[in-house]
Amino acid sequence: MKPKPAFTLVELLVVIGIIAVLLGLLIPAVQAARATARKLQCTNNMKQIGLAAHYYHNLYDQFPPSKWGIQDISDPRIKHHILSFLLPFLEQQHLHEQIDFGKHWFNNEATKIRLPVYLCPESPKQFHYGKHEYFTGDYTVAEEMQRTKEKIKPLFDNGIVTERIRPYGLYGMLQPPEERIVSIVSVTDGISNTIMFSECAARPFVYQEGRQFVDEEPKERKKSGADWSSNIAPFYIRESCGAGGTQLFNCTNKNEIYSFHHGGSNFCYGDGAVHFLLETIHPEIFISIFTAYAGDTNWE
């Protein structure tokens, strides 16, 4: 009898090995493609937010404040975040009309909704901390760089970056109204040279250089300002990391600029354009792009 044709064990193992190699090559490519798609979606979200800020400017001849509050003896905490003011220009007019700006943001049921345009697709989706549900936003405003803070001060003292001594020298573009009313002409460094919106992703859970704090550090795991409507979502830049302490973002999301994009972060500039900056950018260049009134130059 003639033997029936069949694969030998060696041939089968070779085929399986080839398939495994091909899968090993394909999976990283698929993951990279998905990461690119998420990054592009994040870029689109920020571009929509930037355009909304310009629609606001066209209507009121000024950019919206980073945060805003009214004085009320019965409740001094009546405050709101910039993203609430942009709702009508992001096809959310009905939601904007439901917010009572005479009440603190937390006391508005209308703010307890998730808006995809305020969420970076690359950011971990963690909406519950204990019994509290968060309606998170990954985009906000960095209002100022604090020169005197422990990790920022050596950059100036050691001559790594130059001083910005004029009024508002280390201020970002958008400010609360008690600090500065901002318009296109008031941004003396030029809106196309200046950052307007930044990422601060995954709050209230705390991340530091890619690592999430675990349960052994419970006091460090929750961070304020997570909700897109929270008036304490904006922040000052106080942290640095990396070689020589020269990295000024993607160090921690404890109210600092932080994204989950590999190697850098998206930024929306004052003209509405979105640029991806590497986290290894020289601090002198980054500060020049961050500051809006320092009279410095964008060296990008």
C-alpha atoms as a PDB file:
ATOM      1  CA  MET A   1       0.000   0.000   0.000  1.00  0.00           C
ATOM      2  CA  LYS A   2       1.187   3.483  -0.865  1.00  0.00           C
ATOM      3  CA  PRO A   3       1.395   5.834   2.141  1.00  0.00           C
ATOM      4  CA  LYS A   4      -1.055   8.737   2.137  1.00  0.00           C
ATOM      5  CA  PRO A   5       0.488  12.198   1.677  1.00  0.00           C
ATOM      6  CA  ALA A   6       0.732  14.195   4.922  1.00  0.00           C
ATOM      7  CA  PHE A   7       2.814  16.762   6.788  1.00  0.00           C
ATOM      8  CA  THR A   8       5.638  15.527   8.881  1.00  0.00           C
ATOM      9  CA  LEU A   9       5.977  16.769  12.441  1.00  0.00           C
ATOM     10  CA  VAL A  10       8.993  18.841  11.479  1.00  0.00           C
ATOM     11  CA  GLU A  11       7.110  20.540   8.652  1.00  0.00           C
ATOM     12  CA  LEU A  12       4.188  21.302  10.985  1.00  0.00           C
ATOM     13  CA  LEU A  13       6.499  22.844  13.561  1.00  0.00           C
ATOM     14  CA  VAL A  14       8.162  24.947  10.871  1.00  0.00           C
ATOM     15  CA  VAL A  15       4.784  26.256   9.680  1.00  0.00           C
ATOM     16  CA  ILE A  16       3.733  27.038  13.268  1.00  0.00           C
ATOM     17  CA  GLY A  17       7.041  28.822  13.820  1.00  0.00           C
ATOM     18  CA  ILE A  18       6.586  30.928  10.675  1.00  0.00           C
ATOM     19  CA  ILE A  19       3.052  31.885  11.738  1.00  0.00           C
ATOM     20  CA  ALA A  20       4.306  32.842  15.200  1.00  0.00           C
ATOM     21  CA  VAL A  21       7.014  35.049  13.692  1.00  0.00           C
ATOM     22  CA  LEU A  22       4.501  36.745  11.391  1.00  0.00           C
ATOM     23  CA  LEU A  23       2.149  37.372  14.322  1.00  0.00           C
ATOM     24  CA  GLY A  24       5.043  38.740  16.323  1.00  0.00           C
ATOM     25  CA  LEU A  25       5.735  41.205  13.533  1.00  0.00           C
ATOM     26  CA  LEU A  26       2.087  42.044  12.912  1.00  0.00           C
ATOM     27  CA  ILE A  27       0.877  42.693  16.476  1.00  0.00           C
ATOM     28  CA  PRO A  28       3.297  45.574  17.192  1.00  0.00           C
ATOM     29  CA  ALA A  29       2.381  47.110  13.836  1.00  0.00           C
ATOM     30  CA  VAL A  30      -1.332  46.903  14.690  1.00  0.00           C
ATOM     31  CA  GLN A  31      -0.688  48.369  18.148  1.00  0.00           C
ATOM     32  CA  ALA A  32       1.336  51.209  16.633  1.00  0.00           C
ATOM     33  CA  ALA A  33      -1.447  51.924  14.136  1.00  0.00           C
ATOM     34  CA  ARG A  34      -4.011  52.036  16.924  1.00  0.00           C
ATOM     35  CA  ALA A  35      -1.800  54.348  19.005  1.00  0.00           C
ATOM     36  CA  THR A  36      -1.454  56.642  15.998  1.00  0.00           C
ATOM     37  CA  ALA A  37      -5.229  56.687  15.535  1.00  0.00           C
ATOM     38  CA  ARG A  38      -5.751  57.558  19.215  1.00  0.00           C
ATOM     39  CA  LYS A  39      -3.151  60.307  18.979  1.00  0.00           C
ATOM     40  CA  LEU A  40      -4.900  61.758  15.917  1.00  0.00           C
ATOM     41  CA  GLN A  41      -8.242  61.671  17.735  1.00  0.00           C
ATOM     42  CA  CYS A  42      -6.662  63.502  20.659  1.00  0.00           C
ATOM     43  CA  THR A  43      -5.283  66.067  18.201  1.00  0.00           C
ATOM     44  CA  ASN A  44      -8.744  66.516  16.725  1.00  0.00           C
ATOM     45  CA  ASN A  45     -10.295  66.980  20.184  1.00  0.00           C
ATOM     46  CA  MET A  46      -7.800  69.678  21.077  1.00  0.00           C
ATOM     47  CA  LYS A  47      -8.272  71.379  17.727  1.00  0.00           C
ATOM     48  CA  GLN A  48     -12.033  71.534  18.325  1.00  0.00           C
ATOM     49  CA  ILE A  49     -11.429  73.041  21.769  1.00  0.00           C
ATOM     50  CA  GLY A  50      -9.021  75.601  20.295  1.00  0.00           C
ATOM     51  CA  LEU A  51     -11.513  76.580  17.606  1.00  0.00           C
ATOM     52  CA  ALA A  52     -14.238  76.877  20.253  1.00  0.00           C
ATOM     53  CA  ALA A  53     -12.038  79.342  22.152  1.00  0.00           C
ATOM     54  CA  HIS A  54     -11.759  81.434  18.981  1.00  0.00           C
ATOM     55  CA  TYR A  55     -15.527  81.342  18.400  1.00  0.00           C
ATOM     56  CA  TYR A  56     -15.866  82.614  21.975  1.00  0.00           C
ATOM     57  CA  HIS A  57     -13.349  85.369  21.189  1.00  0.00           C
ATOM     58  CA  ASN A  58     -15.262  86.364  18.059  1.00  0.00           C
ATOM     59  CA  LEU A  59     -18.407  86.767  20.153  1.00  0.00           C
ATOM     60  CA  TYR A  60     -16.975  88.501  23.239  1.00  0.00           C
ATOM     61  CA  ASP A  61     -13.734  90.076  21.926  1.00  0.00           C
ATOM     62  CA  GLN A  62     -11.727  88.117  24.471  1.00  0.00           C
ATOM     63  CA  PHE A  63     -10.756  84.532  25.217  1.00  0.00           C
ATOM     64  CA  PRO A  64     -12.629  82.716  27.973  1.00  0.00           C
ATOM     65  CA  PRO A  65     -10.974  82.779  31.415  1.00  0.00           C
ATOM     66  CA  SER A  66      -9.146  79.684  32.639  1.00  0.00           C
ATOM     67  CA  LYS A  67     -11.585  79.608  35.530  1.00  0.00           C
ATOM     68  CA  TRP A  68     -14.195  82.001  36.792  1.00  0.00           C
ATOM     69  CA  GLY A  69     -16.214  82.626  39.929  1.00  0.00           C
ATOM     70  CA  ILE A  70     -18.658  85.167  41.307  1.00  0.00           C
ATOM     71  CA  GLN A  71     -18.609  86.607  44.800  1.00  0.00           C
ATOM     72  CA  ASP A  72     -21.520  85.296  46.833  1.00  0.00           C
ATOM     73  CA  ILE A  73     -21.693  85.632  50.621  1.00  0.00           C
ATOM     74  CA  SER A  74     -23.861  82.532  50.938  1.00  0.00           C
ATOM     75  CA  ASP A  75     -21.467  80.391  48.893  1.00  0.00           C
ATOM     76  CA  PRO A  76     -17.993  81.769  48.098  1.00  0.00           C
ATOM     77  CA  ARG A  77     -17.224  78.629  46.079  1.00  0.00           C
ATOM     78  CA  ILE A  78     -19.327  79.524  43.045  1.00  0.00           C
ATOM     79  CA  LYS A  79     -16.720  78.788  40.385  1.00  0.00           C
ATOM     80  CA  HIS A  80     -16.455  77.124  36.969  1.00  0.00           C
ATOM     81  CA  HIS A  81     -13.823  75.812  34.528  1.00  0.00           C
ATOM     82  CA  ILE A  82     -13.094  77.146  31.055  1.00  0.00           C
ATOM     83  CA  LEU A  83     -14.476  74.004  29.387  1.00  0.00           C
ATOM     84  CA  SER A  84     -17.960  74.895  30.654  1.00  0.00           C
ATOM     85  CA  PHE A  85     -17.817  78.237  28.816  1.00  0.00           C
ATOM     86  CA  LEU A  86     -16.888  76.527  25.543  1.00  0.00           C
ATOM     87  CA  LEU A  87     -19.881  74.170  25.422  1.00  0.00           C
ATOM     88  CA  PRO A  88     -22.027  76.290  23.041  1.00  0.00           C
ATOM     89  CA  PHE A  89     -19.203  76.245  20.489  1.00  0.00           C
ATOM     90  CA  LEU A  90     -18.808  72.459  20.686  1.00  0.00           C
ATOM     91  CA  GLU A  91     -22.399  71.644  19.717  1.00  0.00           C
ATOM     92  CA  GLN A  92     -23.392  71.460  23.388  1.00  0.00           C
ATOM     93  CA  GLN A  93     -25.630  74.524  23.617  1.00  0.00           C
ATOM     94  CA  HIS A  94     -28.399  72.521  25.306  1.00  0.00           C
ATOM     95  CA  LEU A  95     -26.002  71.379  28.026  1.00  0.00           C
ATOM     96  CA  HIS A  96     -24.671  74.904  28.527  1.00  0.00           C
ATOM     97  CA  GLU A  97     -28.220  76.160  29.033  1.00  0.00           C
ATOM     98  CA  GLN A  98     -28.777  73.567  31.760  1.00  0.00           C
ATOM     99  CA  ILE A  99     -25.811  74.775  33.826  1.00  0.00           C
ATOM    100  CA  ASP A 100     -26.725  77.303  36.505  1.00  0.00           C
ATOM    101  CA  PHE A 101     -23.649  79.547  36.648  1.00  0.00           C
ATOM    102  CA  GLY A 102     -25.037  81.018  39.854  1.00  0.00           C
ATOM    103  CA  LYS A 103     -24.229  77.712  41.525  1.00  0.00           C
ATOM    104  CA  HIS A 104     -20.889  76.059  42.110  1.00  0.00           C
ATOM    105  CA  TRP A 105     -19.964  73.588  39.331  1.00  0.00           C
ATOM    106  CA  PHE A 106     -20.275  70.618  41.702  1.00  0.00           C
ATOM    107  CA  ASN A 107     -23.876  71.520  42.510  1.00  0.00           C
ATOM    108  CA  ASN A 108     -24.906  71.402  38.864  1.00  0.00           C
ATOM    109  CA  GLU A 109     -26.380  68.106  37.721  1.00  0.00           C
ATOM    110  CA  ALA A 110     -25.766  69.195  34.123  1.00  0.00           C
ATOM    111  CA  THR A 111     -22.016  68.843  34.644  1.00  0.00           C
ATOM    112  CA  LYS A 112     -22.342  65.166  35.542  1.00  0.00           C
ATOM    113  CA  ILE A 113     -22.026  63.871  32.017  1.00  0.00           C
ATOM    114  CA  ARG A 114     -19.121  62.505  30.002  1.00  0.00           C
ATOM    115  CA  LEU A 115     -18.118  64.358  26.877  1.00  0.00           C
ATOM    116  CA  PRO A 116     -15.834  62.470  24.463  1.00  0.00           C
ATOM    117  CA  VAL A 117     -14.391  65.727  23.109  1.00  0.00           C
ATOM    118  CA  TYR A 118     -12.865  66.362  26.550  1.00  0.00           C
ATOM    119  CA  LEU A 119     -11.268  62.907  26.812  1.00  0.00           C
ATOM    120  CA  CYS A 120      -8.010  61.767  25.242  1.00  0.00           C
ATOM    121  CA  PRO A 121      -8.521  58.254  23.768  1.00  0.00           C
ATOM    122  CA  GLU A 122      -5.027  57.282  24.943  1.00  0.00           C
ATOM    123  CA  SER A 123      -5.827  58.049  28.572  1.00  0.00           C
ATOM    124  CA  PRO A 124      -6.899  55.184  30.892  1.00  0.00           C
ATOM    125  CA  LYS A 125     -10.642  55.248  31.456  1.00  0.00           C
ATOM    126  CA  GLN A 126     -11.028  55.213  35.227  1.00  0.00           C
ATOM    127  CA  PHE A 127     -14.215  56.987  36.208  1.00  0.00           C
ATOM    128  CA  HIS A 128     -14.750  55.730  39.762  1.00  0.00           C
ATOM    129  CA  TYR A 129     -12.634  56.318  42.841  1.00  0.00           C
ATOM    130  CA  GLY A 130     -14.172  54.611  45.845  1.00  0.00           C
ATOM    131  CA  LYS A 131     -17.836  55.580  45.945  1.00  0.00           C
ATOM    132  CA  HIS A 132     -17.369  58.738  43.922  1.00  0.00           C
ATOM    133  CA  GLU A 133     -17.951  58.911  40.178  1.00  0.00           C
ATOM    134  CA  TYR A 134     -15.873  61.345  38.160  1.00  0.00           C
ATOM    135  CA  PHE A 135     -16.822  63.020  34.892  1.00  0.00           C
ATOM    136  CA  THR A 136     -13.267  63.505  33.838  1.00  0.00           C
ATOM    137  CA  GLY A 137     -11.614  65.859  31.390  1.00  0.00           C
ATOM    138  CA  ASP A 138      -8.067  65.405  30.081  1.00  0.00           C
ATOM    139  CA  TYR A 139      -7.589  68.952  28.751  1.00  0.00           C
ATOM    140  CA  THR A 140      -7.075  72.139  30.718  1.00  0.00           C
ATOM    141  CA  VAL A 141      -4.927  75.234  31.147  1.00  0.00           C
ATOM    142  CA  ALA A 142      -1.507  75.589  32.753  1.00  0.00           C
ATOM    143  CA  GLU A 143      -1.688  79.138  34.100  1.00  0.00           C
ATOM    144  CA  GLU A 144       1.853  79.769  35.316  1.00  0.00           C
ATOM    145  CA  MET A 145       5.300  78.301  35.854  1.00  0.00           C
ATOM    146  CA  GLN A 146       6.407  78.781  39.439  1.00  0.00           C
ATOM    147  CA  ARG A 147      10.031  79.791  39.359  1.00  0.00           C
ATOM    148  CA  THR A 148      10.558  79.471  43.129  1.00  0.00           C
ATOM    149  CA  LYS A 149       9.501  75.837  43.431  1.00  0.00           C
ATOM    150  CA  GLU A 150      12.156  73.320  44.424  1.00  0.00           C
ATOM    151  CA  LYS A 151      12.376  71.514  41.090  1.00  0.00           C
ATOM    152  CA  ILE A 152      12.014  74.591  38.850  1.00  0.00           C
ATOM    153  CA  LYS A 153      14.336  76.973  40.707  1.00  0.00           C
ATOM    154  CA  PRO A 154      17.617  75.176  39.802  1.00  0.00           C
ATOM    155  CA  LEU A 155      16.857  75.584  36.093  1.00  0.00           C
ATOM    156  CA  PHE A 156      17.070  79.355  36.538  1.00  0.00           C
ATOM    157  CA  ASP A 157      19.779  79.389  39.184  1.00  0.00           C
ATOM    158  CA  ASN A 158      22.098  77.206  37.066  1.00  0.00           C
ATOM    159  CA  GLY A 159      21.555  79.172  33.871  1.00  0.00           C
ATOM    160  CA  ILE A 160      19.791  76.340  32.045  1.00  0.00           C
ATOM    161  CA  VAL A 161      16.965  78.740  31.279  1.00  0.00           C
ATOM    162  CA  THR A 162      16.959  82.537  31.278  1.00  0.00           C
ATOM    163  CA  GLU A 163      14.973  84.751  33.633  1.00  0.00           C
ATOM    164  CA  ARG A 164      11.641  86.214  32.604  1.00  0.00           C
ATOM    165  CA  ILE A 165      11.438  89.234  34.886  1.00  0.00           C
ATOM    166  CA  ARG A 166       8.792  91.404  33.244  1.00  0.00           C
ATOM    167  CA  PRO A 167       5.237  91.376  34.664  1.00  0.00           C
ATOM    168  CA  TYR A 168       3.460  88.168  33.785  1.00  0.00           C
ATOM    169  CA  GLY A 169       6.812  86.817  32.594  1.00  0.00           C
ATOM    170  CA  LEU A 170       6.109  83.185  33.527  1.00  0.00           C
ATOM    171  CA  TYR A 171       2.364  83.281  32.902  1.00  0.00           C
ATOM    172  CA  GLY A 172       0.673  81.029  30.388  1.00  0.00           C
ATOM    173  CA  MET A 173      -1.761  82.411  27.858  1.00  0.00           C
ATOM    174  CA  LEU A 174      -5.125  81.960  29.600  1.00  0.00           C
ATOM    175  CA  GLN A 175      -5.744  83.370  33.066  1.00  0.00           C
ATOM    176  CA  PRO A 176      -8.546  83.890  35.576  1.00  0.00           C
ATOM    177  CA  PRO A 177     -10.176  87.299  35.033  1.00  0.00           C
ATOM    178  CA  GLU A 178      -8.797  88.782  38.254  1.00  0.00           C
ATOM    179  CA  GLU A 179      -5.283  88.246  36.832  1.00  0.00           C
ATOM    180  CA  ARG A 180      -5.672  89.244  33.195  1.00  0.00           C
ATOM    181  CA  ILE A 181      -8.324  89.682  30.511  1.00  0.00           C
ATOM    182  CA  VAL A 182      -6.865  87.942  27.462  1.00  0.00           C
ATOM    183  CA  SER A 183      -7.465  88.818  23.824  1.00  0.00           C
ATOM    184  CA  ILE A 184      -5.567  88.115  20.628  1.00  0.00           C
ATOM    185  CA  VAL A 185      -3.793  91.479  20.733  1.00  0.00           C
ATOM    186  CA  SER A 186      -2.896  91.172  24.426  1.00  0.00           C
ATOM    187  CA  VAL A 187      -0.795  88.043  23.864  1.00  0.00           C
ATOM    188  CA  THR A 188       2.414  89.928  23.209  1.00  0.00           C
ATOM    189  CA  ASP A 189       4.446  86.822  22.329  1.00  0.00           C
ATOM    190  CA  GLY A 190       1.953  86.001  19.561  1.00  0.00           C
ATOM    191  CA  ILE A 191      -0.830  83.430  19.690  1.00  0.00           C
ATOM    192  CA  SER A 192       0.838  81.177  17.105  1.00  0.00           C
ATOM    193  CA  ASN A 193       3.915  80.980  19.343  1.00  0.00           C
ATOM    194  CA  THR A 194       2.094  80.280  22.605  1.00  0.00           C
ATOM    195  CA  ILE A 195       0.467  77.245  24.204  1.00  0.00           C
ATOM    196  CA  MET A 196      -3.212  77.679  25.073  1.00  0.00           C
ATOM    197  CA  PHE A 197      -4.379  74.190  26.189  1.00  0.00           C
ATOM    198  CA  SER A 198      -2.434  71.245  27.577  1.00  0.00           C
ATOM    199  CA  GLU A 199      -3.136  67.664  28.576  1.00  0.00           C
ATOM    200  CA  CYS A 200      -3.431  66.494  32.167  1.00  0.00           C
ATOM    201  CA  ALA A 201      -4.772  62.986  31.729  1.00  0.00           C
ATOM    202  CA  ALA A 202      -6.134  60.261  34.011  1.00  0.00           C
ATOM    203  CA  ARG A 203      -6.903  62.298  37.116  1.00  0.00           C
ATOM    204  CA  PRO A 204      -7.976  61.579  39.890  1.00  0.00           C
ATOM    205  CA  PHE A 205      -5.656  58.558  39.831  1.00  0.00           C
ATOM    206  CA  VAL A 206      -2.032  59.595  40.135  1.00  0.00           C
ATOM    207  CA  TYR A 207       0.579  58.579  37.568  1.00  0.00           C
ATOM    208  CA  GLN A 208       4.272  59.332  37.732  1.00  0.00           C
ATOM    209  CA  GLU A 209       6.511  58.770  34.702  1.00  0.00           C
ATOM    210  CA  GLY A 210       4.196  56.055  33.377  1.00  0.00           C
ATOM    211  CA  ARG A 211       3.603  54.264  36.678  1.00  0.00           C
ATOM    212  CA  GLN A 212       0.310  54.389  38.529  1.00  0.00           C
ATOM    213  CA  PHE A 213       0.526  54.725  42.275  1.00  0.00           C
ATOM    214  CA  VAL A 214      -0.736  51.576  43.982  1.00  0.00           C
ATOM    215  CA  ASP A 215      -2.851  50.929  47.047  1.00  0.00           C
ATOM    216  CA  GLU A 216       0.135  51.038  49.391  1.00  0.00           C
ATOM    217  CA  GLU A 217       0.148  54.805  48.805  1.00  0.00           C
ATOM    218  CA  PRO A 218      -3.551  55.669  49.200  1.00  0.00           C
ATOM    219  CA  LYS A 219      -3.015  59.340  50.043  1.00  0.00           C
ATOM    220  CA  GLU A 220      -1.210  59.825  46.729  1.00  0.00           C
ATOM    221  CA  ARG A 221      -3.677  58.006  44.513  1.00  0.00           C
ATOM    222  CA  LYS A 222      -6.432  60.605  44.358  1.00  0.00           C
ATOM    223  CA  LYS A 223      -5.866  63.987  42.738  1.00  0.00           C
ATOM    224  CA  SER A 224      -8.248  66.925  42.584  1.00  0.00           C
ATOM    225  CA  GLY A 225      -9.412  68.729  39.485  1.00  0.00           C
ATOM    226  CA  ALA A 226     -10.395  65.587  37.591  1.00  0.00           C
ATOM    227  CA  ASP A 227     -13.856  66.686  36.412  1.00  0.00           C
ATOM    228  CA  TRP A 228     -14.058  68.646  33.167  1.00  0.00           C
ATOM    229  CA  SER A 229     -16.177  71.335  34.861  1.00  0.00           C
ATOM    230  CA  SER A 230     -14.031  71.678  37.992  1.00  0.00           C
ATOM    231  CA  ASN A 231     -12.610  75.141  38.622  1.00  0.00           C
ATOM    232  CA  ILE A 232      -9.486  73.562  40.154  1.00  0.00           C
ATOM    233  CA  ALA A 233      -8.628  71.687  36.969  1.00  0.00           C
ATOM    234  CA  PRO A 234      -6.160  74.421  35.861  1.00  0.00           C
ATOM    235  CA  PHE A 235      -2.770  74.380  37.563  1.00  0.00           C
ATOM    236  CA  TYR A 236       0.720  75.865  37.894  1.00  0.00           C
ATOM    237  CA  ILE A 237       3.802  74.019  36.599  1.00  0.00           C
ATOM    238  CA  ARG A 238       5.928  73.044  39.601  1.00  0.00           C
ATOM    239  CA  GLU A 239       7.524  69.704  38.678  1.00  0.00           C
ATOM    240  CA  SER A 240      10.412  68.542  36.536  1.00  0.00           C
ATOM    241  CA  CYS A 241      12.098  65.186  36.019  1.00  0.00           C
ATOM    242  CA  GLY A 242      14.512  63.429  33.669  1.00  0.00           C
ATOM    243  CA  ALA A 243      18.247  63.937  33.292  1.00  0.00           C
ATOM    244  CA  GLY A 244      19.291  67.051  35.189  1.00  0.00           C
ATOM    245  CA  GLY A 245      15.651  67.809  36.005  1.00  0.00           C
ATOM    246  CA  THR A 246      15.171  69.424  32.605  1.00  0.00           C
ATOM    247  CA  GLN A 247      11.984  67.589  31.562  1.00  0.00           C
ATOM    248  CA  LEU A 248       8.998  69.828  32.272  1.00  0.00           C
ATOM    249  CA  PHE A 249       6.069  67.586  31.340  1.00  0.00           C
ATOM    250  CA  ASN A 250       5.065  63.921  31.415  1.00  0.00           C
ATOM    251  CA  CYS A 251       6.624  63.699  34.884  1.00  0.00           C
ATOM    252  CA  THR A 252       3.395  63.339  36.862  1.00  0.00           C
ATOM    253  CA  ASN A 253      -0.288  64.118  36.431  1.00  0.00           C
ATOM    254  CA  LYS A 254      -0.508  65.583  39.954  1.00  0.00           C
ATOM    255  CA  ASN A 255      -1.855  68.808  38.476  1.00  0.00           C
ATOM    256  CA  GLU A 256       0.922  68.980  35.895  1.00  0.00           C
ATOM    257  CA  ILE A 257       1.107  68.581  32.107  1.00  0.00           C
ATOM    258  CA  TYR A 258       0.877  64.844  31.465  1.00  0.00           C
ATOM    259  CA  SER A 259      -0.163  62.643  28.560  1.00  0.00           C
ATOM    260  CA  PHE A 260      -0.078  58.960  27.672  1.00  0.00           C
ATOM    261  CA  HIS A 261       1.286  59.505  24.165  1.00  0.00           C
ATOM    262  CA  HIS A 262       4.662  57.869  23.759  1.00  0.00           C
ATOM    263  CA  GLY A 263       7.515  60.333  24.109  1.00  0.00           C
ATOM    264  CA  GLY A 264       5.582  63.578  24.319  1.00  0.00           C
ATOM    265  CA  SER A 265       2.265  65.385  24.506  1.00  0.00           C
ATOM    266  CA  ASN A 266      -0.195  67.294  22.354  1.00  0.00           C
ATOM    267  CA  PHE A 267      -0.546  71.050  22.864  1.00  0.00           C
ATOM    268  CA  CYS A 268      -3.108  73.426  21.422  1.00  0.00           C
ATOM    269  CA  TYR A 269      -1.538  76.769  20.571  1.00  0.00           C
ATOM    270  CA  GLY A 270      -3.273  80.114  20.714  1.00  0.00           C
ATOM    271  CA  ASP A 271      -4.075  80.095  17.002  1.00  0.00           C
ATOM    272  CA  GLY A 272      -5.921  76.760  17.355  1.00  0.00           C
ATOM    273  CA  ALA A 273      -3.168  74.650  15.799  1.00  0.00           C
ATOM    274  CA  VAL A 274      -2.188  71.483  17.649  1.00  0.00           C
ATOM    275  CA  HIS A 275       1.456  70.458  17.897  1.00  0.00           C
ATOM    276  CA  PHE A 276       3.078  67.381  19.390  1.00  0.00           C
ATOM    277  CA  LEU A 277       6.091  68.299  21.512  1.00  0.00           C
ATOM    278  CA  LEU A 278       8.696  65.781  22.598  1.00  0.00           C
ATOM    279  CA  GLU A 279       9.148  65.494  26.347  1.00  0.00           C
ATOM    280  CA  THR A 280      12.900  65.862  25.766  1.00  0.00           C
ATOM    281  CA  ILE A 281      12.477  69.399  24.417  1.00  0.00           C
ATOM    282  CA  HIS A 282      15.006  71.797  25.969  1.00  0.00           C
ATOM    283  CA  PRO A 283      13.378  73.666  28.876  1.00  0.00           C
ATOM    284  CA  GLU A 284      14.416  77.069  27.500  1.00  0.00           C
ATOM    285  CA  ILE A 285      12.525  76.346  24.294  1.00  0.00           C
ATOM    286  CA  PHE A 286       9.514  74.941  26.096  1.00  0.00           C
ATOM    287  CA  ILE A 287       9.270  77.919  28.464  1.00  0.00           C
ATOM    288  CA  SER A 288       9.453  80.253  25.470  1.00  0.00           C
ATOM    289  CA  ILE A 289       6.505  78.436  23.923  1.00  0.00           C
ATOM    290  CA  PHE A 290       4.623  78.242  27.212  1.00  0.00           C
ATOM    291  CA  THR A 291       4.923  81.887  28.232  1.00  0.00           C
ATOM    292  CA  ALA A 292       2.635  84.416  26.602  1.00  0.00           C
ATOM    293  CA  TYR A 293       3.907  87.776  27.866  1.00  0.00           C
ATOM    294  CA  ALA A 294       7.652  87.316  28.476  1.00  0.00           C
ATOM    295  CA  GLY A 295       8.927  88.850  25.246  1.00  0.00           C
ATOM    296  CA  ASP A 296      10.887  85.686  24.474  1.00  0.00           C
ATOM    297  CA  THR A 297      11.095  83.844  21.172  1.00  0.00           C
ATOM    298  CA  ASN A 298       9.628  80.564  20.024  1.00  0.00           C
ATOM    299  CA  TRP A 299      12.709  78.600  19.019  1.00  0.00           C
ATOM    300  CA  GLU A 300      10.850  75.475  17.945  1.00  0.00           C
END
